[in-house]
């Protein structure tokens, strides 16, 4: 594959995820945000985009009175898998343990 083709592919993906991030920012439908996360069960959404989506979904869902167990398990599993050790990671581990007790 030529370097120009690779550069074009990379730019296309950047554009796709830029549009995705913008759509997440503009979306206020909690069910749609959560559905987007749960359907990305192989975690294909890039880390930064997924973190934005998770944080928005979690804060919106909490403001409406709760989150599903499936969403919370995905949320805290992702954080424990990808965050560097620290307070946020430790908090995610505790929450994940609480969910499965």
PDB file of N, CA and C in Angstrom:
ATOM      1  N   UNK A   1       0.853  -1.168   0.000  1.00  0.00           N
ATOM      2  CA  UNK A   1       0.000   0.000   0.000  1.00  0.00           C
ATOM      3  C   UNK A   1       0.900   1.234   0.000  1.00  0.00           C
ATOM      4  N   UNK A   2       0.554   2.203  -0.807  1.00  0.00           N
ATOM      5  CA  UNK A   2       1.382   3.394  -0.910  1.00  0.00           C
ATOM      6  C   UNK A   2       1.215   4.299   0.307  1.00  0.00           C
ATOM      7  N   UNK A   3       2.235   5.115   0.540  1.00  0.00           N
ATOM      8  CA  UNK A   3       2.196   6.046   1.666  1.00  0.00           C
ATOM      9  C   UNK A   3       1.045   7.035   1.527  1.00  0.00           C
ATOM     10  N   UNK A   4       0.762   7.475   0.314  1.00  0.00           N
ATOM     11  CA  UNK A   4      -0.342   8.413   0.072  1.00  0.00           C
ATOM     12  C   UNK A   4      -1.681   7.770   0.447  1.00  0.00           C
ATOM     13  N   UNK A   5      -1.836   6.486   0.121  1.00  0.00           N
ATOM     14  CA  UNK A   5      -3.067   5.754   0.452  1.00  0.00           C
ATOM     15  C   UNK A   5      -3.222   5.629   1.959  1.00  0.00           C
ATOM     16  N   UNK A   6      -2.145   5.313   2.645  1.00  0.00           N
ATOM     17  CA  UNK A   6      -2.174   5.195   4.106  1.00  0.00           C
ATOM     18  C   UNK A   6      -2.533   6.537   4.732  1.00  0.00           C
ATOM     19  N   UNK A   7      -1.906   7.612   4.251  1.00  0.00           N
ATOM     20  CA  UNK A   7      -2.208   8.947   4.774  1.00  0.00           C
ATOM     21  C   UNK A   7      -3.672   9.303   4.556  1.00  0.00           C
ATOM     22  N   UNK A   8      -4.202   8.963   3.384  1.00  0.00           N
ATOM     23  CA  UNK A   8      -5.604   9.240   3.081  1.00  0.00           C
ATOM     24  C   UNK A   8      -6.519   8.440   4.004  1.00  0.00           C
ATOM     25  N   UNK A   9      -6.177   7.173   4.250  1.00  0.00           N
ATOM     26  CA  UNK A   9      -6.974   6.333   5.149  1.00  0.00           C
ATOM     27  C   UNK A   9      -6.965   6.883   6.574  1.00  0.00           C
ATOM     28  N   UNK A  10      -5.803   7.289   7.033  1.00  0.00           N
ATOM     29  CA  UNK A  10      -5.683   7.845   8.387  1.00  0.00           C
ATOM     30  C   UNK A  10      -6.513   9.114   8.501  1.00  0.00           C
ATOM     31  N   UNK A  11      -6.432   9.958   7.492  1.00  0.00           N
ATOM     32  CA  UNK A  11      -7.203  11.213   7.506  1.00  0.00           C
ATOM     33  C   UNK A  11      -8.704  10.940   7.469  1.00  0.00           C
ATOM     34  N   UNK A  12      -9.108   9.932   6.730  1.00  0.00           N
ATOM     35  CA  UNK A  12     -10.522   9.557   6.674  1.00  0.00           C
ATOM     36  C   UNK A  12     -11.014   9.123   8.049  1.00  0.00           C
ATOM     37  N   UNK A  13     -10.229   8.289   8.736  1.00  0.00           N
ATOM     38  CA  UNK A  13     -10.624   7.826  10.070  1.00  0.00           C
ATOM     39  C   UNK A  13     -10.657   8.989  11.063  1.00  0.00           C
ATOM     40  N   UNK A  14      -9.701   9.903  10.967  1.00  0.00           N
ATOM     41  CA  UNK A  14      -9.713  11.077  11.849  1.00  0.00           C
ATOM     42  C   UNK A  14     -10.989  11.881  11.643  1.00  0.00           C
ATOM     43  N   UNK A  15     -11.376  12.032  10.379  1.00  0.00           N
ATOM     44  CA  UNK A  15     -12.592  12.770  10.051  1.00  0.00           C
ATOM     45  C   UNK A  15     -13.831  12.059  10.611  1.00  0.00           C
ATOM     46  N   UNK A  16     -13.873  10.744  10.459  1.00  0.00           N
ATOM     47  CA  UNK A  16     -15.003   9.961  10.978  1.00  0.00           C
ATOM     48  C   UNK A  16     -15.127  10.141  12.482  1.00  0.00           C
ATOM     49  N   UNK A  17     -14.033  10.012  13.208  1.00  0.00           N
ATOM     50  CA  UNK A  17     -14.108  10.115  14.664  1.00  0.00           C
ATOM     51  C   UNK A  17     -14.295  11.550  15.138  1.00  0.00           C
ATOM     52  N   UNK A  18     -13.858  12.513  14.351  1.00  0.00           N
ATOM     53  CA  UNK A  18     -14.143  13.911  14.674  1.00  0.00           C
ATOM     54  C   UNK A  18     -15.646  14.162  14.586  1.00  0.00           C
ATOM     55  N   UNK A  19     -16.269  13.636  13.536  1.00  0.00           N
ATOM     56  CA  UNK A  19     -17.726  13.767  13.388  1.00  0.00           C
ATOM     57  C   UNK A  19     -18.448  12.994  14.493  1.00  0.00           C
ATOM     58  N   UNK A  20     -17.914  11.845  14.849  1.00  0.00           N
ATOM     59  CA  UNK A  20     -18.496  11.049  15.931  1.00  0.00           C
ATOM     60  C   UNK A  20     -18.449  11.827  17.253  1.00  0.00           C
ATOM     61  N   UNK A  21     -17.295  12.405  17.568  1.00  0.00           N
ATOM     62  CA  UNK A  21     -17.150  13.186  18.802  1.00  0.00           C
ATOM     63  C   UNK A  21     -18.133  14.352  18.829  1.00  0.00           C
ATOM     64  N   UNK A  22     -18.296  15.008  17.703  1.00  0.00           N
ATOM     65  CA  UNK A  22     -19.237  16.133  17.620  1.00  0.00           C
ATOM     66  C   UNK A  22     -20.670  15.652  17.844  1.00  0.00           C
ATOM     67  N   UNK A  23     -21.022  14.521  17.242  1.00  0.00           N
ATOM     68  CA  UNK A  23     -22.370  13.962  17.421  1.00  0.00           C
ATOM     69  C   UNK A  23     -22.621  13.599  18.883  1.00  0.00           C
ATOM     70  N   UNK A  24     -21.599  13.050  19.555  1.00  0.00           N
ATOM     71  CA  UNK A  24     -21.733  12.715  20.983  1.00  0.00           C
ATOM     72  C   UNK A  24     -21.974  13.981  21.796  1.00  0.00           C
ATOM     73  N   UNK A  25     -21.213  15.031  21.517  1.00  0.00           N
ATOM     74  CA  UNK A  25     -21.379  16.289  22.241  1.00  0.00           C
ATOM     75  C   UNK A  25     -22.782  16.855  22.070  1.00  0.00           C
ATOM     76  N   UNK A  26     -23.348  16.710  20.887  1.00  0.00           N
ATOM     77  CA  UNK A  26     -24.658  17.288  20.594  1.00  0.00           C
ATOM     78  C   UNK A  26     -25.820  16.407  21.030  1.00  0.00           C
ATOM     79  N   UNK A  27     -25.568  15.136  21.296  1.00  0.00           N
ATOM     80  CA  UNK A  27     -26.634  14.195  21.641  1.00  0.00           C
ATOM     81  C   UNK A  27     -27.051  14.353  23.105  1.00  0.00           C
ATOM     82  N   UNK A  28     -28.360  14.376  23.320  1.00  0.00           N
ATOM     83  CA  UNK A  28     -28.861  14.427  24.692  1.00  0.00           C
ATOM     84  C   UNK A  28     -29.736  13.212  25.010  1.00  0.00           C
ATOM     85  N   UNK A  29     -29.801  12.277  24.090  1.00  0.00           N
ATOM     86  CA  UNK A  29     -30.602  11.063  24.255  1.00  0.00           C
ATOM     87  C   UNK A  29     -29.763   9.996  24.973  1.00  0.00           C
ATOM     88  N   UNK A  30     -30.019   9.833  26.260  1.00  0.00           N
ATOM     89  CA  UNK A  30     -29.235   8.896  27.074  1.00  0.00           C
ATOM     90  C   UNK A  30     -29.306   7.485  26.519  1.00  0.00           C
ATOM     91  N   UNK A  31     -30.482   7.057  26.104  1.00  0.00           N
ATOM     92  CA  UNK A  31     -30.626   5.696  25.575  1.00  0.00           C
ATOM     93  C   UNK A  31     -29.737   5.481  24.350  1.00  0.00           C
ATOM     94  N   UNK A  32     -29.659   6.489  23.495  1.00  0.00           N
ATOM     95  CA  UNK A  32     -28.819   6.384  22.291  1.00  0.00           C
ATOM     96  C   UNK A  32     -27.339   6.332  22.669  1.00  0.00           C
ATOM     97  N   UNK A  33     -26.925   7.155  23.632  1.00  0.00           N
ATOM     98  CA  UNK A  33     -25.527   7.154  24.065  1.00  0.00           C
ATOM     99  C   UNK A  33     -25.140   5.799  24.655  1.00  0.00           C
ATOM    100  N   UNK A  34     -25.997   5.271  25.516  1.00  0.00           N
ATOM    101  CA  UNK A  34     -25.727   3.974  26.151  1.00  0.00           C
ATOM    102  C   UNK A  34     -25.735   2.863  25.107  1.00  0.00           C
ATOM    103  N   UNK A  35     -26.703   2.914  24.182  1.00  0.00           N
ATOM    104  CA  UNK A  35     -26.770   1.895  23.122  1.00  0.00           C
ATOM    105  C   UNK A  35     -25.484   1.892  22.300  1.00  0.00           C
ATOM    106  N   UNK A  36     -24.989   3.073  21.996  1.00  0.00           N
ATOM    107  CA  UNK A  36     -23.745   3.194  21.227  1.00  0.00           C
ATOM    108  C   UNK A  36     -22.599   2.498  21.959  1.00  0.00           C
ATOM    109  N   UNK A  37     -22.511   2.705  23.257  1.00  0.00           N
ATOM    110  CA  UNK A  37     -21.458   2.062  24.047  1.00  0.00           C
ATOM    111  C   UNK A  37     -21.611   0.548  24.074  1.00  0.00           C
ATOM    112  N   UNK A  38     -22.820   0.098  24.346  1.00  0.00           N
ATOM    113  CA  UNK A  38     -23.038  -1.339  24.498  1.00  0.00           C
ATOM    114  C   UNK A  38     -22.880  -2.095  23.182  1.00  0.00           C
ATOM    115  N   UNK A  39     -23.181  -1.435  22.059  1.00  0.00           N
ATOM    116  CA  UNK A  39     -22.996  -2.100  20.772  1.00  0.00           C
ATOM    117  C   UNK A  39     -21.530  -2.134  20.350  1.00  0.00           C
ATOM    118  N   UNK A  40     -20.702  -1.336  20.991  1.00  0.00           N
ATOM    119  CA  UNK A  40     -19.258  -1.355  20.721  1.00  0.00           C
ATOM    120  C   UNK A  40     -18.598  -2.334  21.698  1.00  0.00           C
ATOM    121  N   UNK A  41     -19.105  -3.565  21.708  1.00  0.00           N
ATOM    122  CA  UNK A  41     -18.658  -4.550  22.694  1.00  0.00           C
ATOM    123  C   UNK A  41     -17.210  -4.994  22.519  1.00  0.00           C
ATOM    124  N   UNK A  42     -16.606  -4.718  21.384  1.00  0.00           N
ATOM    125  CA  UNK A  42     -15.192  -5.062  21.187  1.00  0.00           C
ATOM    126  C   UNK A  42     -14.281  -3.847  21.370  1.00  0.00           C
ATOM    127  N   UNK A  43     -14.879  -2.738  21.808  1.00  0.00           N
ATOM    128  CA  UNK A  43     -14.148  -1.508  22.123  1.00  0.00           C
ATOM    129  C   UNK A  43     -13.367  -0.982  20.923  1.00  0.00           C
ATOM    130  N   UNK A  44     -14.047  -0.883  19.779  1.00  0.00           N
ATOM    131  CA  UNK A  44     -13.426  -0.341  18.576  1.00  0.00           C
ATOM    132  C   UNK A  44     -13.328   1.185  18.588  1.00  0.00           C
ATOM    133  N   UNK A  45     -14.220   1.834  19.308  1.00  0.00           N
ATOM    134  CA  UNK A  45     -14.174   3.297  19.378  1.00  0.00           C
ATOM    135  C   UNK A  45     -12.853   3.671  20.057  1.00  0.00           C
ATOM    136  N   UNK A  46     -12.098   4.603  19.478  1.00  0.00           N
ATOM    137  CA  UNK A  46     -10.808   4.989  20.074  1.00  0.00           C
ATOM    138  C   UNK A  46     -10.965   5.458  21.528  1.00  0.00           C
ATOM    139  N   UNK A  47      -9.905   5.276  22.285  1.00  0.00           N
ATOM    140  CA  UNK A  47      -9.916   5.541  23.726  1.00  0.00           C
ATOM    141  C   UNK A  47     -10.494   6.905  24.078  1.00  0.00           C
ATOM    142  N   UNK A  48      -9.974   7.981  23.513  1.00  0.00           N
ATOM    143  CA  UNK A  48     -10.444   9.322  23.878  1.00  0.00           C
ATOM    144  C   UNK A  48     -11.916   9.524  23.548  1.00  0.00           C
ATOM    145  N   UNK A  49     -12.337   9.046  22.391  1.00  0.00           N
ATOM    146  CA  UNK A  49     -13.743   9.178  22.000  1.00  0.00           C
ATOM    147  C   UNK A  49     -14.639   8.360  22.919  1.00  0.00           C
ATOM    148  N   UNK A  50     -14.194   7.156  23.246  1.00  0.00           N
ATOM    149  CA  UNK A  50     -15.000   6.296  24.124  1.00  0.00           C
ATOM    150  C   UNK A  50     -15.084   6.872  25.533  1.00  0.00           C
ATOM    151  N   UNK A  51     -13.997   7.451  26.022  1.00  0.00           N
ATOM    152  CA  UNK A  51     -14.026   8.058  27.358  1.00  0.00           C
ATOM    153  C   UNK A  51     -15.032   9.217  27.385  1.00  0.00           C
ATOM    154  N   UNK A  52     -15.034  10.049  26.352  1.00  0.00           N
ATOM    155  CA  UNK A  52     -16.005  11.150  26.277  1.00  0.00           C
ATOM    156  C   UNK A  52     -17.428  10.603  26.262  1.00  0.00           C
ATOM    157  N   UNK A  53     -17.651   9.587  25.452  1.00  0.00           N
ATOM    158  CA  UNK A  53     -18.969   8.977  25.346  1.00  0.00           C
ATOM    159  C   UNK A  53     -19.395   8.355  26.672  1.00  0.00           C
ATOM    160  N   UNK A  54     -18.484   7.646  27.325  1.00  0.00           N
ATOM    161  CA  UNK A  54     -18.805   7.016  28.609  1.00  0.00           C
ATOM    162  C   UNK A  54     -19.126   8.059  29.675  1.00  0.00           C
ATOM    163  N   UNK A  55     -18.308   9.079  29.763  1.00  0.00           N
ATOM    164  CA  UNK A  55     -18.517  10.105  30.792  1.00  0.00           C
ATOM    165  C   UNK A  55     -19.845  10.825  30.577  1.00  0.00           C
ATOM    166  N   UNK A  56     -20.160  11.154  29.334  1.00  0.00           N
ATOM    167  CA  UNK A  56     -21.415  11.835  29.054  1.00  0.00           C
ATOM    168  C   UNK A  56     -22.590  10.909  29.354  1.00  0.00           C
ATOM    169  N   UNK A  57     -22.496   9.658  28.938  1.00  0.00           N
ATOM    170  CA  UNK A  57     -23.571   8.687  29.183  1.00  0.00           C
ATOM    171  C   UNK A  57     -23.800   8.498  30.671  1.00  0.00           C
ATOM    172  N   UNK A  58     -22.716   8.356  31.402  1.00  0.00           N
ATOM    173  CA  UNK A  58     -22.813   8.110  32.836  1.00  0.00           C
ATOM    174  C   UNK A  58     -23.413   9.309  33.554  1.00  0.00           C
ATOM    175  N   UNK A  59     -22.959  10.506  33.242  1.00  0.00           N
ATOM    176  CA  UNK A  59     -23.477  11.688  33.949  1.00  0.00           C
ATOM    177  C   UNK A  59     -24.935  11.956  33.585  1.00  0.00           C
ATOM    178  N   UNK A  60     -25.308  11.763  32.318  1.00  0.00           N
ATOM    179  CA  UNK A  60     -26.700  11.964  31.903  1.00  0.00           C
ATOM    180  C   UNK A  60     -27.607  10.922  32.554  1.00  0.00           C
ATOM    181  N   UNK A  61     -27.167   9.659  32.554  1.00  0.00           N
ATOM    182  CA  UNK A  61     -27.984   8.593  33.126  1.00  0.00           C
ATOM    183  C   UNK A  61     -28.176   8.799  34.627  1.00  0.00           C
ATOM    184  N   UNK A  62     -27.123   9.192  35.316  1.00  0.00           N
ATOM    185  CA  UNK A  62     -27.247   9.437  36.756  1.00  0.00           C
ATOM    186  C   UNK A  62     -28.208  10.582  37.037  1.00  0.00           C
ATOM    187  N   UNK A  63     -28.193  11.622  36.201  1.00  0.00           N
ATOM    188  CA  UNK A  63     -29.085  12.752  36.414  1.00  0.00           C
ATOM    189  C   UNK A  63     -30.547  12.368  36.190  1.00  0.00           C
ATOM    190  N   UNK A  64     -30.767  11.280  35.436  1.00  0.00           N
ATOM    191  CA  UNK A  64     -32.129  10.806  35.199  1.00  0.00           C
ATOM    192  C   UNK A  64     -32.534   9.690  36.154  1.00  0.00           C
ATOM    193  N   UNK A  65     -31.658   9.343  37.073  1.00  0.00           N
ATOM    194  CA  UNK A  65     -32.054   8.386  38.099  1.00  0.00           C
ATOM    195  C   UNK A  65     -31.430   7.017  38.046  1.00  0.00           C
ATOM    196  N   UNK A  66     -30.437   6.776  37.223  1.00  0.00           N
ATOM    197  CA  UNK A  66     -29.772   5.485  37.294  1.00  0.00           C
ATOM    198  C   UNK A  66     -29.224   4.989  35.979  1.00  0.00           C
ATOM    199  N   UNK A  67     -28.436   3.931  36.083  1.00  0.00           N
ATOM    200  CA  UNK A  67     -27.805   3.304  34.928  1.00  0.00           C
ATOM    201  C   UNK A  67     -28.076   1.806  35.001  1.00  0.00           C
ATOM    202  N   UNK A  68     -28.086   1.151  33.850  1.00  0.00           N
ATOM    203  CA  UNK A  68     -28.280  -0.294  33.843  1.00  0.00           C
ATOM    204  C   UNK A  68     -27.009  -0.993  34.330  1.00  0.00           C
ATOM    205  N   UNK A  69     -27.185  -2.182  34.855  1.00  0.00           N
ATOM    206  CA  UNK A  69     -26.042  -2.981  35.304  1.00  0.00           C
ATOM    207  C   UNK A  69     -25.107  -3.262  34.130  1.00  0.00           C
ATOM    208  N   UNK A  70     -25.674  -3.542  32.962  1.00  0.00           N
ATOM    209  CA  UNK A  70     -24.864  -3.830  31.773  1.00  0.00           C
ATOM    210  C   UNK A  70     -23.986  -2.624  31.410  1.00  0.00           C
ATOM    211  N   UNK A  71     -24.579  -1.424  31.440  1.00  0.00           N
ATOM    212  CA  UNK A  71     -23.806  -0.220  31.141  1.00  0.00           C
ATOM    213  C   UNK A  71     -22.708  -0.011  32.170  1.00  0.00           C
ATOM    214  N   UNK A  72     -23.050  -0.112  33.459  1.00  0.00           N
ATOM    215  CA  UNK A  72     -22.057   0.118  34.509  1.00  0.00           C
ATOM    216  C   UNK A  72     -20.921  -0.895  34.434  1.00  0.00           C
ATOM    217  N   UNK A  73     -21.239  -2.148  34.135  1.00  0.00           N
ATOM    218  CA  UNK A  73     -20.195  -3.174  34.003  1.00  0.00           C
ATOM    219  C   UNK A  73     -19.252  -2.823  32.845  1.00  0.00           C
ATOM    220  N   UNK A  74     -19.816  -2.392  31.723  1.00  0.00           N
ATOM    221  CA  UNK A  74     -18.986  -1.994  30.577  1.00  0.00           C
ATOM    222  C   UNK A  74     -18.142  -0.772  30.925  1.00  0.00           C
ATOM    223  N   UNK A  75     -18.758   0.185  31.558  1.00  0.00           N
ATOM    224  CA  UNK A  75     -18.102   1.444  31.933  1.00  0.00           C
ATOM    225  C   UNK A  75     -16.889   1.196  32.822  1.00  0.00           C
ATOM    226  N   UNK A  76     -17.096   0.471  33.916  1.00  0.00           N
ATOM    227  CA  UNK A  76     -15.994   0.251  34.848  1.00  0.00           C
ATOM    228  C   UNK A  76     -14.987  -0.783  34.334  1.00  0.00           C
ATOM    229  N   UNK A  77     -15.424  -1.742  33.524  1.00  0.00           N
ATOM    230  CA  UNK A  77     -14.490  -2.700  32.920  1.00  0.00           C
ATOM    231  C   UNK A  77     -13.527  -1.982  31.988  1.00  0.00           C
ATOM    232  N   UNK A  78     -14.065  -1.070  31.186  1.00  0.00           N
ATOM    233  CA  UNK A  78     -13.221  -0.317  30.258  1.00  0.00           C
ATOM    234  C   UNK A  78     -12.211   0.518  31.032  1.00  0.00           C
ATOM    235  N   UNK A  79     -12.674   1.187  32.067  1.00  0.00           N
ATOM    236  CA  UNK A  79     -11.760   2.022  32.851  1.00  0.00           C
ATOM    237  C   UNK A  79     -10.660   1.188  33.498  1.00  0.00           C
ATOM    238  N   UNK A  80     -11.012   0.032  34.056  1.00  0.00           N
ATOM    239  CA  UNK A  80      -9.977  -0.788  34.704  1.00  0.00           C
ATOM    240  C   UNK A  80      -9.026  -1.392  33.675  1.00  0.00           C
ATOM    241  N   UNK A  81      -9.491  -1.578  32.455  1.00  0.00           N
ATOM    242  CA  UNK A  81      -8.629  -2.144  31.419  1.00  0.00           C
ATOM    243  C   UNK A  81      -7.650  -1.128  30.845  1.00  0.00           C
ATOM    244  N   UNK A  82      -8.032   0.138  30.826  1.00  0.00           N
ATOM    245  CA  UNK A  82      -7.224   1.102  30.083  1.00  0.00           C
ATOM    246  C   UNK A  82      -6.650   2.274  30.875  1.00  0.00           C
ATOM    247  N   UNK A  83      -7.150   2.527  32.047  1.00  0.00           N
ATOM    248  CA  UNK A  83      -6.599   3.654  32.809  1.00  0.00           C
ATOM    249  C   UNK A  83      -5.283   3.266  33.476  1.00  0.00           C
ATOM    250  N   UNK A  84      -4.394   4.228  33.580  1.00  0.00           N
ATOM    251  CA  UNK A  84      -3.165   4.027  34.334  1.00  0.00           C
ATOM    252  C   UNK A  84      -3.501   3.972  35.814  1.00  0.00           C
ATOM    253  N   UNK A  85      -2.700   3.249  36.597  1.00  0.00           N
ATOM    254  CA  UNK A  85      -2.953   3.208  38.035  1.00  0.00           C
ATOM    255  C   UNK A  85      -3.017   4.614  38.623  1.00  0.00           C
ATOM    256  N   UNK A  86      -3.945   4.780  39.522  1.00  0.00           N
ATOM    257  CA  UNK A  86      -4.165   6.077  40.158  1.00  0.00           C
ATOM    258  C   UNK A  86      -5.537   6.073  40.809  1.00  0.00           C
ATOM    259  N   UNK A  87      -5.973   7.215  41.309  1.00  0.00           N
ATOM    260  CA  UNK A  87      -7.245   7.295  42.018  1.00  0.00           C
ATOM    261  C   UNK A  87      -8.430   6.886  41.141  1.00  0.00           C
ATOM    262  N   UNK A  88      -8.486   7.397  39.904  1.00  0.00           N
ATOM    263  CA  UNK A  88      -9.618   7.063  39.031  1.00  0.00           C
ATOM    264  C   UNK A  88      -9.654   5.565  38.722  1.00  0.00           C
ATOM    265  N   UNK A  89      -8.482   4.978  38.505  1.00  0.00           N
ATOM    266  CA  UNK A  89      -8.389   3.532  38.275  1.00  0.00           C
ATOM    267  C   UNK A  89      -8.845   2.771  39.526  1.00  0.00           C
ATOM    268  N   UNK A  90      -8.339   3.177  40.693  1.00  0.00           N
ATOM    269  CA  UNK A  90      -8.715   2.514  41.952  1.00  0.00           C
ATOM    270  C   UNK A  90     -10.213   2.595  42.192  1.00  0.00           C
ATOM    271  N   UNK A  91     -10.794   3.762  41.931  1.00  0.00           N
ATOM    272  CA  UNK A  91     -12.243   3.928  42.096  1.00  0.00           C
ATOM    273  C   UNK A  91     -13.017   3.005  41.165  1.00  0.00           C
ATOM    274  N   UNK A  92     -12.541   2.860  39.935  1.00  0.00           N
ATOM    275  CA  UNK A  92     -13.201   1.983  38.966  1.00  0.00           C
ATOM    276  C   UNK A  92     -13.124   0.522  39.408  1.00  0.00           C
ATOM    277  N   UNK A  93     -11.978   0.102  39.947  1.00  0.00           N
ATOM    278  CA  UNK A  93     -11.828  -1.273  40.436  1.00  0.00           C
ATOM    279  C   UNK A  93     -12.809  -1.545  41.567  1.00  0.00           C
ATOM    280  N   UNK A  94     -12.924  -0.610  42.496  1.00  0.00           N
ATOM    281  CA  UNK A  94     -13.852  -0.762  43.628  1.00  0.00           C
ATOM    282  C   UNK A  94     -15.291  -0.868  43.119  1.00  0.00           C
ATOM    283  N   UNK A  95     -15.674   0.034  42.217  1.00  0.00           N
ATOM    284  CA  UNK A  95     -17.047   0.023  41.681  1.00  0.00           C
ATOM    285  C   UNK A  95     -17.337  -1.276  40.939  1.00  0.00           C
ATOM    286  N   UNK A  96     -16.373  -1.760  40.158  1.00  0.00           N
ATOM    287  CA  UNK A  96     -16.563  -3.010  39.427  1.00  0.00           C
ATOM    288  C   UNK A  96     -16.729  -4.176  40.390  1.00  0.00           C
ATOM    289  N   UNK A  97     -15.923  -4.222  41.441  1.00  0.00           N
ATOM    290  CA  UNK A  97     -16.056  -5.257  42.460  1.00  0.00           C
ATOM    291  C   UNK A  97     -17.433  -5.214  43.115  1.00  0.00           C
ATOM    292  N   UNK A  98     -17.917  -3.997  43.425  1.00  0.00           N
ATOM    293  CA  UNK A  98     -19.222  -3.832  44.053  1.00  0.00           C
ATOM    294  C   UNK A  98     -20.344  -4.351  43.143  1.00  0.00           C
ATOM    295  N   UNK A  99     -20.210  -4.113  41.844  1.00  0.00           N
ATOM    296  CA  UNK A  99     -21.241  -4.546  40.897  1.00  0.00           C
ATOM    297  C   UNK A  99     -21.413  -6.061  40.883  1.00  0.00           C
ATOM    298  N   UNK A 100     -20.306  -6.779  41.037  1.00  0.00           N
ATOM    299  CA  UNK A 100     -20.347  -8.220  40.907  1.00  0.00           C
ATOM    300  C   UNK A 100     -20.391  -8.963  42.244  1.00  0.00           C
ATOM    301  N   UNK A 101     -20.681  -8.247  43.292  1.00  0.00           N
ATOM    302  CA  UNK A 101     -20.828  -8.903  44.596  1.00  0.00           C
ATOM    303  C   UNK A 101     -22.273  -9.181  44.887  1.00  0.00           C
TER     304      UNK A 101
END
